[in-house]
Amino acid sequence: MTFRRAATLEELWPGEMLAVEVDNVKVLLVNFEGTVHAFENRCAHQAALLSKGRLEGNVLTCSAHHWCYDVCSGAGINPKSARLRRFATKVEDQEVLVDVDDDHDS
């Protein structure tokens, strides 16, 4: 795994999301209850930027056509068949690190 710096925890408080670019990949960071999750910043439907969407609790809603995702897993809520591309993350010394070279499923 190759982790790259994406942001700091100072830039991404719990309950917030942040669009960043890591190695030319558009990434959406989401801090849900102190755990940072990272996804490709595009909706599975028509590739709209998820960073323009709405985050309510653990539900991220795309602004274009209102597809909904669980930010803890990337799984689709509406529709259930959708899934976001998820990246491995870790936090070291208050820095958020993301590995965009490999999809992360858990």
Protein backbone atom coordinates (compact mmCIF):
# COMPACT_ATOMS: atom_id res chain seq x y z
CA MET A 1 0.00 0.00 0.00
CA THR A 2 1.16 3.49 -0.82
CA PHE A 3 -0.40 6.06 1.46
CA ARG A 4 -0.26 9.74 0.49
CA ARG A 5 -1.11 12.83 2.55
CA ALA A 6 -4.61 14.07 1.72
CA ALA A 7 -5.43 16.52 4.54
CA THR A 8 -5.13 17.13 8.25
CA LEU A 9 -7.70 16.44 10.93
CA GLU A 10 -7.78 20.21 11.49
CA GLU A 11 -9.24 20.51 7.97
CA LEU A 12 -11.78 17.71 8.42
CA TRP A 13 -13.84 17.84 11.57
CA PRO A 14 -16.34 15.13 12.57
CA GLY A 15 -19.54 15.44 10.52
CA GLU A 16 -17.76 17.15 7.62
CA MET A 17 -16.58 16.15 4.17
CA LEU A 18 -13.72 17.55 2.11
CA ALA A 19 -12.83 17.24 -1.57
CA VAL A 20 -9.10 16.74 -2.23
CA GLU A 21 -6.89 15.42 -5.00
CA VAL A 22 -4.40 12.64 -4.34
CA ASP A 23 -2.07 11.54 -7.16
CA ASN A 24 -4.45 13.08 -9.72
CA VAL A 25 -7.45 11.21 -8.29
CA LYS A 26 -10.42 13.23 -7.04
CA VAL A 27 -11.12 12.00 -3.52
CA LEU A 28 -13.90 12.76 -1.07
CA LEU A 29 -12.91 12.51 2.60
CA VAL A 30 -15.69 12.08 5.15
CA ASN A 31 -15.19 12.25 8.91
CA PHE A 32 -18.01 10.26 10.49
CA GLU A 33 -17.88 10.26 14.29
CA GLY A 34 -14.09 10.60 14.30
CA THR A 35 -13.36 7.93 11.68
CA VAL A 36 -12.18 9.14 8.28
CA HIS A 37 -13.44 7.40 5.14
CA ALA A 38 -12.26 8.07 1.58
CA PHE A 39 -14.09 7.55 -1.70
CA GLU A 40 -13.64 8.53 -5.30
CA ASN A 41 -15.40 11.90 -5.57
CA ARG A 42 -17.96 10.76 -8.11
CA CYS A 43 -21.42 9.32 -7.93
CA ALA A 44 -21.85 5.78 -9.26
CA HIS A 45 -24.78 7.00 -11.37
CA GLN A 46 -23.47 9.69 -13.70
CA ALA A 47 -20.17 10.70 -12.12
CA ALA A 48 -21.44 13.92 -10.51
CA LEU A 49 -19.15 15.28 -7.80
CA LEU A 50 -20.26 13.89 -4.46
CA SER A 51 -18.61 16.83 -2.70
CA LYS A 52 -21.48 18.97 -4.00
CA GLY A 53 -23.94 16.65 -2.27
CA ARG A 54 -25.39 16.65 1.25
CA LEU A 55 -24.10 14.77 4.28
CA GLU A 56 -26.62 13.96 7.00
CA GLY A 57 -25.35 11.58 9.65
CA ASN A 58 -23.87 8.63 7.77
CA VAL A 59 -25.90 9.27 4.59
CA LEU A 60 -24.36 11.07 1.63
CA THR A 61 -26.85 12.22 -1.02
CA CYS A 62 -25.67 13.15 -4.50
CA SER A 63 -26.87 16.58 -5.58
CA ALA A 64 -27.55 15.54 -9.20
CA HIS A 65 -30.12 12.74 -8.92
CA HIS A 66 -30.30 12.13 -5.16
CA TRP A 67 -28.66 8.72 -5.07
CA CYS A 68 -27.76 7.92 -1.43
CA TYR A 69 -24.75 6.14 0.06
CA ASP A 70 -23.60 4.97 3.48
CA VAL A 71 -20.34 6.84 4.18
CA CYS A 72 -19.07 4.09 6.48
CA SER A 73 -19.00 1.48 3.72
CA GLY A 74 -19.73 3.18 0.38
CA ALA A 75 -22.73 0.89 -0.07
CA GLY A 76 -25.75 2.22 -1.89
CA ILE A 77 -28.86 3.01 0.10
CA ASN A 78 -30.93 4.20 -2.84
CA PRO A 79 -30.43 2.24 -5.01
CA LYS A 80 -28.98 -0.66 -3.02
CA SER A 81 -27.13 -1.95 -6.10
CA ALA A 82 -24.87 1.14 -6.22
CA ARG A 83 -21.43 1.23 -4.61
CA LEU A 84 -18.77 3.90 -4.28
CA ARG A 85 -15.11 3.25 -5.02
CA ARG A 86 -13.53 3.24 -1.58
CA PHE A 87 -9.90 3.85 -0.62
CA ALA A 88 -7.92 2.73 2.42
CA THR A 89 -7.21 5.51 4.92
CA LYS A 90 -5.21 5.99 8.07
CA VAL A 91 -4.40 8.88 10.38
CA GLU A 92 -0.85 9.49 11.61
CA ASP A 93 0.25 12.54 13.58
CA GLN A 94 -3.03 14.33 12.77
CA GLU A 95 -2.51 13.80 9.02
CA VAL A 96 -5.08 11.94 6.91
CA LEU A 97 -3.37 9.50 4.55
CA VAL A 98 -5.10 7.79 1.61
CA ASP A 99 -4.06 4.94 -0.69
CA VAL A 100 -5.61 5.61 -4.11
CA ASP A 101 -3.68 2.79 -5.81
CA ASP A 102 -5.97 0.07 -4.49
CA ASP A 103 -9.69 -0.18 -3.83
CA HIS A 104 -10.53 -1.04 -0.23
CA ASP A 105 -13.50 -3.24 0.57
CA SER A 106 -14.45 -4.20 4.10
